[in-house]
Amino acid sequence: MDRTRAARLSLKCMQFLEKHATPNAQSAKGKKSYSKETAAMIAIRGSEIIYPTMEEVKAKADMKLRKGRDEWWRSIKDLAEVCYACTHNLESELTN
């Protein structure tokens, strides 16, 4: 499943690069300039693949901690830790 998703994401990345690489390059006195949409990050939100601009990424990310501000899993983190602890303790008892 992970390899399949990685292959699909890489295909989407290549399509994005092909779409934005040359047509958006504009010469301004010998220098090329690009629109803001050409610098993007590929992401999965829900069941969709999205390309947020870097401005959107900056707005939704804690750049110092290098993580997102909206963590969908935060509400179930405690539950996951309890489940892990129960499983880990059970495994320890079985090996002793």
PDB file of N, CA and C in Angstrom:
ATOM      1  N   MET A   1       0.822  -1.197   0.000  1.00  0.00           N
ATOM      2  CA  MET A   1       0.000   0.000   0.000  1.00  0.00           C
ATOM      3  C   MET A   1       0.871   1.267   0.000  1.00  0.00           C
ATOM      4  N   ASP A   2       1.924   1.263   0.820  1.00  0.00           N
ATOM      5  CA  ASP A   2       2.790   2.438   0.882  1.00  0.00           C
ATOM      6  C   ASP A   2       3.504   2.685  -0.448  1.00  0.00           C
ATOM      7  N   ARG A   3       3.952   1.607  -1.085  1.00  0.00           N
ATOM      8  CA  ARG A   3       4.637   1.754  -2.371  1.00  0.00           C
ATOM      9  C   ARG A   3       3.684   2.257  -3.443  1.00  0.00           C
ATOM     10  N   THR A   4       2.456   1.777  -3.398  1.00  0.00           N
ATOM     11  CA  THR A   4       1.453   2.229  -4.359  1.00  0.00           C
ATOM     12  C   THR A   4       1.175   3.711  -4.178  1.00  0.00           C
ATOM     13  N   ARG A   5       0.990   4.137  -2.933  1.00  0.00           N
ATOM     14  CA  ARG A   5       0.741   5.554  -2.661  1.00  0.00           C
ATOM     15  C   ARG A   5       1.945   6.398  -3.054  1.00  0.00           C
ATOM     16  N   ALA A   6       3.154   5.916  -2.764  1.00  0.00           N
ATOM     17  CA  ALA A   6       4.367   6.655  -3.127  1.00  0.00           C
ATOM     18  C   ALA A   6       4.473   6.804  -4.640  1.00  0.00           C
ATOM     19  N   ALA A   7       4.149   5.751  -5.377  1.00  0.00           N
ATOM     20  CA  ALA A   7       4.190   5.825  -6.840  1.00  0.00           C
ATOM     21  C   ALA A   7       3.176   6.834  -7.364  1.00  0.00           C
ATOM     22  N   ARG A   8       1.984   6.839  -6.785  1.00  0.00           N
ATOM     23  CA  ARG A   8       0.956   7.795  -7.215  1.00  0.00           C
ATOM     24  C   ARG A   8       1.364   9.231  -6.888  1.00  0.00           C
ATOM     25  N   LEU A   9       1.932   9.432  -5.702  1.00  0.00           N
ATOM     26  CA  LEU A   9       2.369  10.781  -5.329  1.00  0.00           C
ATOM     27  C   LEU A   9       3.508  11.253  -6.232  1.00  0.00           C
ATOM     28  N   SER A  10       4.432  10.370  -6.558  1.00  0.00           N
ATOM     29  CA  SER A  10       5.526  10.776  -7.436  1.00  0.00           C
ATOM     30  C   SER A  10       5.008  11.129  -8.829  1.00  0.00           C
ATOM     31  N   LEU A  11       4.016  10.390  -9.312  1.00  0.00           N
ATOM     32  CA  LEU A  11       3.401  10.711 -10.598  1.00  0.00           C
ATOM     33  C   LEU A  11       2.738  12.090 -10.543  1.00  0.00           C
ATOM     34  N   LYS A  12       2.003  12.362  -9.456  1.00  0.00           N
ATOM     35  CA  LYS A  12       1.359  13.672  -9.295  1.00  0.00           C
ATOM     36  C   LYS A  12       2.399  14.782  -9.238  1.00  0.00           C
ATOM     37  N   CYS A  13       3.521  14.524  -8.564  1.00  0.00           N
ATOM     38  CA  CYS A  13       4.589  15.524  -8.493  1.00  0.00           C
ATOM     39  C   CYS A  13       5.151  15.828  -9.875  1.00  0.00           C
ATOM     40  N   MET A  14       5.391  14.790 -10.646  1.00  0.00           N
ATOM     41  CA  MET A  14       5.919  14.990 -11.994  1.00  0.00           C
ATOM     42  C   MET A  14       4.930  15.756 -12.868  1.00  0.00           C
ATOM     43  N   GLN A  15       3.647  15.441 -12.743  1.00  0.00           N
ATOM     44  CA  GLN A  15       2.629  16.163 -13.503  1.00  0.00           C
ATOM     45  C   GLN A  15       2.604  17.639 -13.096  1.00  0.00           C
ATOM     46  N   PHE A  16       2.744  17.896 -11.810  1.00  0.00           N
ATOM     47  CA  PHE A  16       2.769  19.280 -11.320  1.00  0.00           C
ATOM     48  C   PHE A  16       3.975  20.020 -11.896  1.00  0.00           C
ATOM     49  N   LEU A  17       5.133  19.381 -11.867  1.00  0.00           N
ATOM     50  CA  LEU A  17       6.340  20.009 -12.406  1.00  0.00           C
ATOM     51  C   LEU A  17       6.217  20.276 -13.900  1.00  0.00           C
ATOM     52  N   GLU A  18       5.683  19.325 -14.632  1.00  0.00           N
ATOM     53  CA  GLU A  18       5.498  19.512 -16.069  1.00  0.00           C
ATOM     54  C   GLU A  18       4.542  20.654 -16.367  1.00  0.00           C
ATOM     55  N   LYS A  19       3.514  20.771 -15.550  1.00  0.00           N
ATOM     56  CA  LYS A  19       2.511  21.816 -15.764  1.00  0.00           C
ATOM     57  C   LYS A  19       3.055  23.209 -15.453  1.00  0.00           C
ATOM     58  N   HIS A  20       3.870  23.323 -14.404  1.00  0.00           N
ATOM     59  CA  HIS A  20       4.291  24.636 -13.926  1.00  0.00           C
ATOM     60  C   HIS A  20       5.708  25.055 -14.305  1.00  0.00           C
ATOM     61  N   ALA A  21       6.525  24.139 -14.794  1.00  0.00           N
ATOM     62  CA  ALA A  21       7.939  24.458 -15.014  1.00  0.00           C
ATOM     63  C   ALA A  21       8.168  25.549 -16.049  1.00  0.00           C
ATOM     64  N   THR A  22       7.804  25.332 -17.277  1.00  0.00           N
ATOM     65  CA  THR A  22       8.140  26.270 -18.336  1.00  0.00           C
ATOM     66  C   THR A  22       7.092  27.347 -18.590  1.00  0.00           C
ATOM     67  N   PRO A  23       5.814  27.030 -18.644  1.00  0.00           N
ATOM     68  CA  PRO A  23       4.838  28.061 -19.002  1.00  0.00           C
ATOM     69  C   PRO A  23       4.801  29.256 -18.045  1.00  0.00           C
ATOM     70  N   ASN A  24       5.115  29.037 -16.782  1.00  0.00           N
ATOM     71  CA  ASN A  24       5.029  30.134 -15.816  1.00  0.00           C
ATOM     72  C   ASN A  24       6.305  30.944 -15.693  1.00  0.00           C
ATOM     73  N   ALA A  25       7.350  30.525 -16.366  1.00  0.00           N
ATOM     74  CA  ALA A  25       8.596  31.286 -16.339  1.00  0.00           C
ATOM     75  C   ALA A  25       8.428  32.492 -17.264  1.00  0.00           C
ATOM     76  N   GLN A  26       8.637  33.663 -16.720  1.00  0.00           N
ATOM     77  CA  GLN A  26       8.481  34.889 -17.506  1.00  0.00           C
ATOM     78  C   GLN A  26       9.779  35.675 -17.427  1.00  0.00           C
ATOM     79  N   SER A  27      10.233  36.124 -18.551  1.00  0.00           N
ATOM     80  CA  SER A  27      11.469  36.901 -18.562  1.00  0.00           C
ATOM     81  C   SER A  27      11.182  38.340 -18.195  1.00  0.00           C
ATOM     82  N   ALA A  28      11.945  38.850 -17.269  1.00  0.00           N
ATOM     83  CA  ALA A  28      11.867  40.257 -16.885  1.00  0.00           C
ATOM     84  C   ALA A  28      13.293  40.786 -16.850  1.00  0.00           C
ATOM     85  N   LYS A  29      13.691  41.446 -17.907  1.00  0.00           N
ATOM     86  CA  LYS A  29      15.045  41.982 -18.044  1.00  0.00           C
ATOM     87  C   LYS A  29      16.099  40.882 -17.886  1.00  0.00           C
ATOM     88  N   GLY A  30      15.866  39.781 -18.548  1.00  0.00           N
ATOM     89  CA  GLY A  30      16.826  38.692 -18.515  1.00  0.00           C
ATOM     90  C   GLY A  30      16.705  37.768 -17.315  1.00  0.00           C
ATOM     91  N   LYS A  31      15.888  38.147 -16.343  1.00  0.00           N
ATOM     92  CA  LYS A  31      15.702  37.305 -15.166  1.00  0.00           C
ATOM     93  C   LYS A  31      14.353  36.608 -15.249  1.00  0.00           C
ATOM     94  N   LYS A  32      14.320  35.369 -14.828  1.00  0.00           N
ATOM     95  CA  LYS A  32      13.056  34.638 -14.829  1.00  0.00           C
ATOM     96  C   LYS A  32      12.344  34.865 -13.506  1.00  0.00           C
ATOM     97  N   SER A  33      11.039  35.005 -13.596  1.00  0.00           N
ATOM     98  CA  SER A  33      10.239  35.100 -12.379  1.00  0.00           C
ATOM     99  C   SER A  33       9.114  34.084 -12.476  1.00  0.00           C
ATOM    100  N   TYR A  34       8.727  33.575 -11.346  1.00  0.00           N
ATOM    101  CA  TYR A  34       7.725  32.530 -11.303  1.00  0.00           C
ATOM    102  C   TYR A  34       6.554  32.964 -10.439  1.00  0.00           C
ATOM    103  N   SER A  35       5.389  32.430 -10.733  1.00  0.00           N
ATOM    104  CA  SER A  35       4.221  32.740  -9.915  1.00  0.00           C
ATOM    105  C   SER A  35       4.316  31.987  -8.597  1.00  0.00           C
ATOM    106  N   LYS A  36       3.523  32.404  -7.626  1.00  0.00           N
ATOM    107  CA  LYS A  36       3.553  31.790  -6.302  1.00  0.00           C
ATOM    108  C   LYS A  36       3.097  30.340  -6.315  1.00  0.00           C
ATOM    109  N   GLU A  37       2.317  29.962  -7.317  1.00  0.00           N
ATOM    110  CA  GLU A  37       1.806  28.600  -7.395  1.00  0.00           C
ATOM    111  C   GLU A  37       2.874  27.582  -7.799  1.00  0.00           C
ATOM    112  N   THR A  38       4.030  28.052  -8.289  1.00  0.00           N
ATOM    113  CA  THR A  38       5.055  27.110  -8.726  1.00  0.00           C
ATOM    114  C   THR A  38       5.861  26.542  -7.566  1.00  0.00           C
ATOM    115  N   ALA A  39       5.834  27.183  -6.420  1.00  0.00           N
ATOM    116  CA  ALA A  39       6.494  26.654  -5.222  1.00  0.00           C
ATOM    117  C   ALA A  39       5.404  26.086  -4.330  1.00  0.00           C
ATOM    118  N   ALA A  40       5.316  24.770  -4.299  1.00  0.00           N
ATOM    119  CA  ALA A  40       4.238  24.130  -3.559  1.00  0.00           C
ATOM    120  C   ALA A  40       4.749  22.870  -2.874  1.00  0.00           C
ATOM    121  N   MET A  41       3.926  22.349  -1.997  1.00  0.00           N
ATOM    122  CA  MET A  41       4.222  21.095  -1.323  1.00  0.00           C
ATOM    123  C   MET A  41       3.077  20.145  -1.619  1.00  0.00           C
ATOM    124  N   ILE A  42       3.394  18.906  -1.859  1.00  0.00           N
ATOM    125  CA  ILE A  42       2.328  17.935  -2.077  1.00  0.00           C
ATOM    126  C   ILE A  42       1.894  17.422  -0.702  1.00  0.00           C
ATOM    127  N   ALA A  43       0.595  17.279  -0.529  1.00  0.00           N
ATOM    128  CA  ALA A  43       0.076  16.841   0.770  1.00  0.00           C
ATOM    129  C   ALA A  43      -1.192  16.024   0.561  1.00  0.00           C
ATOM    130  N   ILE A  44      -1.526  15.267   1.567  1.00  0.00           N
ATOM    131  CA  ILE A  44      -2.768  14.507   1.551  1.00  0.00           C
ATOM    132  C   ILE A  44      -3.650  15.080   2.642  1.00  0.00           C
ATOM    133  N   ARG A  45      -4.810  15.558   2.252  1.00  0.00           N
ATOM    134  CA  ARG A  45      -5.785  16.095   3.202  1.00  0.00           C
ATOM    135  C   ARG A  45      -7.068  15.308   3.004  1.00  0.00           C
ATOM    136  N   GLY A  46      -7.396  14.518   4.006  1.00  0.00           N
ATOM    137  CA  GLY A  46      -8.547  13.641   3.861  1.00  0.00           C
ATOM    138  C   GLY A  46      -8.222  12.575   2.833  1.00  0.00           C
ATOM    139  N   SER A  47      -9.003  12.517   1.781  1.00  0.00           N
ATOM    140  CA  SER A  47      -8.737  11.547   0.710  1.00  0.00           C
ATOM    141  C   SER A  47      -8.231  12.238  -0.553  1.00  0.00           C
ATOM    142  N   GLU A  48      -7.909  13.524  -0.453  1.00  0.00           N
ATOM    143  CA  GLU A  48      -7.465  14.282  -1.617  1.00  0.00           C
ATOM    144  C   GLU A  48      -5.975  14.558  -1.592  1.00  0.00           C
ATOM    145  N   ILE A  49      -5.376  14.604  -2.770  1.00  0.00           N
ATOM    146  CA  ILE A  49      -4.004  15.066  -2.908  1.00  0.00           C
ATOM    147  C   ILE A  49      -4.088  16.547  -3.255  1.00  0.00           C
ATOM    148  N   ILE A  50      -3.412  17.367  -2.460  1.00  0.00           N
ATOM    149  CA  ILE A  50      -3.481  18.820  -2.669  1.00  0.00           C
ATOM    150  C   ILE A  50      -2.075  19.388  -2.838  1.00  0.00           C
ATOM    151  N   TYR A  51      -1.998  20.581  -3.398  1.00  0.00           N
ATOM    152  CA  TYR A  51      -0.745  21.289  -3.599  1.00  0.00           C
ATOM    153  C   TYR A  51      -0.854  22.676  -2.949  1.00  0.00           C
ATOM    154  N   PRO A  52      -0.705  22.771  -1.631  1.00  0.00           N
ATOM    155  CA  PRO A  52      -0.772  24.096  -1.012  1.00  0.00           C
ATOM    156  C   PRO A  52       0.468  24.918  -1.381  1.00  0.00           C
ATOM    157  N   THR A  53       0.264  26.214  -1.592  1.00  0.00           N
ATOM    158  CA  THR A  53       1.407  27.082  -1.876  1.00  0.00           C
ATOM    159  C   THR A  53       2.241  27.207  -0.612  1.00  0.00           C
ATOM    160  N   MET A  54       3.457  27.677  -0.765  1.00  0.00           N
ATOM    161  CA  MET A  54       4.334  27.802   0.396  1.00  0.00           C
ATOM    162  C   MET A  54       3.797  28.827   1.391  1.00  0.00           C
ATOM    163  N   GLU A  55       3.055  29.809   0.927  1.00  0.00           N
ATOM    164  CA  GLU A  55       2.421  30.768   1.842  1.00  0.00           C
ATOM    165  C   GLU A  55       1.385  30.063   2.718  1.00  0.00           C
ATOM    166  N   GLU A  56       0.624  29.161   2.124  1.00  0.00           N
ATOM    167  CA  GLU A  56      -0.359  28.385   2.898  1.00  0.00           C
ATOM    168  C   GLU A  56       0.338  27.458   3.883  1.00  0.00           C
ATOM    169  N   VAL A  57       1.440  26.864   3.452  1.00  0.00           N
ATOM    170  CA  VAL A  57       2.198  25.975   4.335  1.00  0.00           C
ATOM    171  C   VAL A  57       2.732  26.752   5.530  1.00  0.00           C
ATOM    172  N   LYS A  58       3.297  27.929   5.274  1.00  0.00           N
ATOM    173  CA  LYS A  58       3.819  28.764   6.371  1.00  0.00           C
ATOM    174  C   LYS A  58       2.730  29.135   7.358  1.00  0.00           C
ATOM    175  N   ALA A  59       1.541  29.430   6.840  1.00  0.00           N
ATOM    176  CA  ALA A  59       0.435  29.840   7.708  1.00  0.00           C
ATOM    177  C   ALA A  59      -0.058  28.701   8.594  1.00  0.00           C
ATOM    178  N   LYS A  60       0.064  27.465   8.122  1.00  0.00           N
ATOM    179  CA  LYS A  60      -0.472  26.322   8.864  1.00  0.00           C
ATOM    180  C   LYS A  60       0.596  25.484   9.545  1.00  0.00           C
ATOM    181  N   ALA A  61       1.853  25.933   9.517  1.00  0.00           N
ATOM    182  CA  ALA A  61       2.931  25.134  10.089  1.00  0.00           C
ATOM    183  C   ALA A  61       3.700  25.917  11.134  1.00  0.00           C
ATOM    184  N   ASP A  62       4.194  25.193  12.110  1.00  0.00           N
ATOM    185  CA  ASP A  62       5.116  25.759  13.082  1.00  0.00           C
ATOM    186  C   ASP A  62       6.506  25.482  12.527  1.00  0.00           C
ATOM    187  N   MET A  63       7.087  26.478  11.893  1.00  0.00           N
ATOM    188  CA  MET A  63       8.342  26.276  11.183  1.00  0.00           C
ATOM    189  C   MET A  63       9.495  25.973  12.141  1.00  0.00           C
ATOM    190  N   LYS A  64       9.462  26.505  13.350  1.00  0.00           N
ATOM    191  CA  LYS A  64      10.530  26.240  14.312  1.00  0.00           C
ATOM    192  C   LYS A  64      10.515  24.771  14.747  1.00  0.00           C
ATOM    193  N   LEU A  65       9.332  24.245  15.031  1.00  0.00           N
ATOM    194  CA  LEU A  65       9.208  22.851  15.454  1.00  0.00           C
ATOM    195  C   LEU A  65       9.071  21.890  14.282  1.00  0.00           C
ATOM    196  N   ARG A  66       8.936  22.450  13.076  1.00  0.00           N
ATOM    197  CA  ARG A  66       8.838  21.668  11.832  1.00  0.00           C
ATOM    198  C   ARG A  66       7.683  20.679  11.865  1.00  0.00           C
ATOM    199  N   LYS A  67       6.507  21.181  12.238  1.00  0.00           N
ATOM    200  CA  LYS A  67       5.305  20.339  12.235  1.00  0.00           C
ATOM    201  C   LYS A  67       4.083  21.216  12.012  1.00  0.00           C
ATOM    202  N   GLY A  68       2.985  20.589  11.691  1.00  0.00           N
ATOM    203  CA  GLY A  68       1.755  21.317  11.445  1.00  0.00           C
ATOM    204  C   GLY A  68       1.100  21.791  12.736  1.00  0.00           C
ATOM    205  N   ARG A  69       0.336  22.846  12.641  1.00  0.00           N
ATOM    206  CA  ARG A  69      -0.390  23.351  13.818  1.00  0.00           C
ATOM    207  C   ARG A  69      -1.709  22.622  14.027  1.00  0.00           C
ATOM    208  N   ASP A  70      -2.287  22.132  12.946  1.00  0.00           N
ATOM    209  CA  ASP A  70      -3.562  21.419  13.011  1.00  0.00           C
ATOM    210  C   ASP A  70      -3.284  19.922  12.916  1.00  0.00           C
ATOM    211  N   GLU A  71      -3.150  19.287  14.073  1.00  0.00           N
ATOM    212  CA  GLU A  71      -2.842  17.854  14.115  1.00  0.00           C
ATOM    213  C   GLU A  71      -4.143  17.087  14.331  1.00  0.00           C
ATOM    214  N   TRP A  72      -4.603  16.425  13.303  1.00  0.00           N
ATOM    215  CA  TRP A  72      -5.896  15.742  13.353  1.00  0.00           C
ATOM    216  C   TRP A  72      -5.906  14.624  14.385  1.00  0.00           C
ATOM    217  N   TRP A  73      -4.766  14.065  14.687  1.00  0.00           N
ATOM    218  CA  TRP A  73      -4.671  12.920  15.587  1.00  0.00           C
ATOM    219  C   TRP A  73      -4.510  13.323  17.048  1.00  0.00           C
ATOM    220  N   ARG A  74      -4.385  14.601  17.347  1.00  0.00           N
ATOM    221  CA  ARG A  74      -4.112  15.065  18.713  1.00  0.00           C
ATOM    222  C   ARG A  74      -5.158  14.558  19.710  1.00  0.00           C
ATOM    223  N   SER A  75      -6.420  14.524  19.315  1.00  0.00           N
ATOM    224  CA  SER A  75      -7.485  14.129  20.244  1.00  0.00           C
ATOM    225  C   SER A  75      -7.419  12.645  20.608  1.00  0.00           C
ATOM    226  N   ILE A  76      -6.768  11.822  19.790  1.00  0.00           N
ATOM    227  CA  ILE A  76      -6.691  10.393  20.100  1.00  0.00           C
ATOM    228  C   ILE A  76      -5.292   9.962  20.551  1.00  0.00           C
ATOM    229  N   LYS A  77      -4.395  10.911  20.741  1.00  0.00           N
ATOM    230  CA  LYS A  77      -3.025  10.593  21.135  1.00  0.00           C
ATOM    231  C   LYS A  77      -2.987   9.874  22.477  1.00  0.00           C
ATOM    232  N   ASP A  78      -3.725  10.386  23.460  1.00  0.00           N
ATOM    233  CA  ASP A  78      -3.732   9.754  24.781  1.00  0.00           C
ATOM    234  C   ASP A  78      -4.246   8.323  24.705  1.00  0.00           C
ATOM    235  N   LEU A  79      -5.287   8.105  23.934  1.00  0.00           N
ATOM    236  CA  LEU A  79      -5.833   6.762  23.767  1.00  0.00           C
ATOM    237  C   LEU A  79      -4.798   5.833  23.136  1.00  0.00           C
ATOM    238  N   ALA A  80      -4.101   6.312  22.120  1.00  0.00           N
ATOM    239  CA  ALA A  80      -3.082   5.499  21.458  1.00  0.00           C
ATOM    240  C   ALA A  80      -1.956   5.147  22.428  1.00  0.00           C
ATOM    241  N   GLU A  81      -1.558   6.095  23.271  1.00  0.00           N
ATOM    242  CA  GLU A  81      -0.502   5.823  24.240  1.00  0.00           C
ATOM    243  C   GLU A  81      -0.944   4.793  25.275  1.00  0.00           C
ATOM    244  N   VAL A  82      -2.200   4.868  25.702  1.00  0.00           N
ATOM    245  CA  VAL A  82      -2.723   3.887  26.657  1.00  0.00           C
ATOM    246  C   VAL A  82      -2.743   2.504  26.010  1.00  0.00           C
ATOM    247  N   CYS A  83      -3.205   2.419  24.776  1.00  0.00           N
ATOM    248  CA  CYS A  83      -3.240   1.133  24.069  1.00  0.00           C
ATOM    249  C   CYS A  83      -1.835   0.574  23.900  1.00  0.00           C
ATOM    250  N   TYR A  84      -0.881   1.426  23.568  1.00  0.00           N
ATOM    251  CA  TYR A  84       0.497   0.976  23.413  1.00  0.00           C
ATOM    252  C   TYR A  84       1.041   0.470  24.749  1.00  0.00           C
ATOM    253  N   ALA A  85       0.777   1.207  25.816  1.00  0.00           N
ATOM    254  CA  ALA A  85       1.271   0.804  27.135  1.00  0.00           C
ATOM    255  C   ALA A  85       0.686  -0.551  27.536  1.00  0.00           C
ATOM    256  N   CYS A  86      -0.595  -0.758  27.291  1.00  0.00           N
ATOM    257  CA  CYS A  86      -1.220  -2.046  27.623  1.00  0.00           C
ATOM    258  C   CYS A  86      -0.582  -3.174  26.826  1.00  0.00           C
ATOM    259  N   THR A  87      -0.379  -2.962  25.554  1.00  0.00           N
ATOM    260  CA  THR A  87       0.226  -3.977  24.696  1.00  0.00           C
ATOM    261  C   THR A  87       1.672  -4.232  25.115  1.00  0.00           C
ATOM    262  N   HIS A  88       2.399  -3.165  25.381  1.00  0.00           N
ATOM    263  CA  HIS A  88       3.806  -3.283  25.768  1.00  0.00           C
ATOM    264  C   HIS A  88       3.935  -4.027  27.099  1.00  0.00           C
ATOM    265  N   ASN A  89       3.089  -3.693  28.065  1.00  0.00           N
ATOM    266  CA  ASN A  89       3.119  -4.370  29.369  1.00  0.00           C
ATOM    267  C   ASN A  89       2.756  -5.841  29.229  1.00  0.00           C
ATOM    268  N   LEU A  90       1.787  -6.161  28.398  1.00  0.00           N
ATOM    269  CA  LEU A  90       1.384  -7.539  28.178  1.00  0.00           C
ATOM    270  C   LEU A  90       2.528  -8.342  27.565  1.00  0.00           C
ATOM    271  N   GLU A  91       3.200  -7.758  26.580  1.00  0.00           N
ATOM    272  CA  GLU A  91       4.348  -8.431  25.948  1.00  0.00           C
ATOM    273  C   GLU A  91       5.454  -8.661  26.958  1.00  0.00           C
ATOM    274  N   SER A  92       5.703  -7.689  27.838  1.00  0.00           N
ATOM    275  CA  SER A  92       6.738  -7.836  28.872  1.00  0.00           C
ATOM    276  C   SER A  92       6.409  -8.969  29.811  1.00  0.00           C
ATOM    277  N   GLU A  93       5.143  -9.084  30.198  1.00  0.00           N
ATOM    278  CA  GLU A  93       4.719 -10.165  31.109  1.00  0.00           C
ATOM    279  C   GLU A  93       4.848 -11.522  30.444  1.00  0.00           C
ATOM    280  N   LEU A  94       4.556 -11.596  29.171  1.00  0.00           N
ATOM    281  CA  LEU A  94       4.634 -12.867  28.458  1.00  0.00           C
ATOM    282  C   LEU A  94       6.085 -13.336  28.268  1.00  0.00           C
ATOM    283  N   THR A  95       7.014 -12.399  28.110  1.00  0.00           N
ATOM    284  CA  THR A  95       8.415 -12.777  27.900  1.00  0.00           C
ATOM    285  C   THR A  95       9.126 -13.110  29.199  1.00  0.00           C
ATOM    286  N   ASN A  96       8.571 -12.712  30.343  1.00  0.00           N
ATOM    287  CA  ASN A  96       9.217 -12.981  31.636  1.00  0.00           C
ATOM    288  C   ASN A  96       8.752 -14.274  32.246  1.00  0.00           C
TER     289      ASN A  96
END
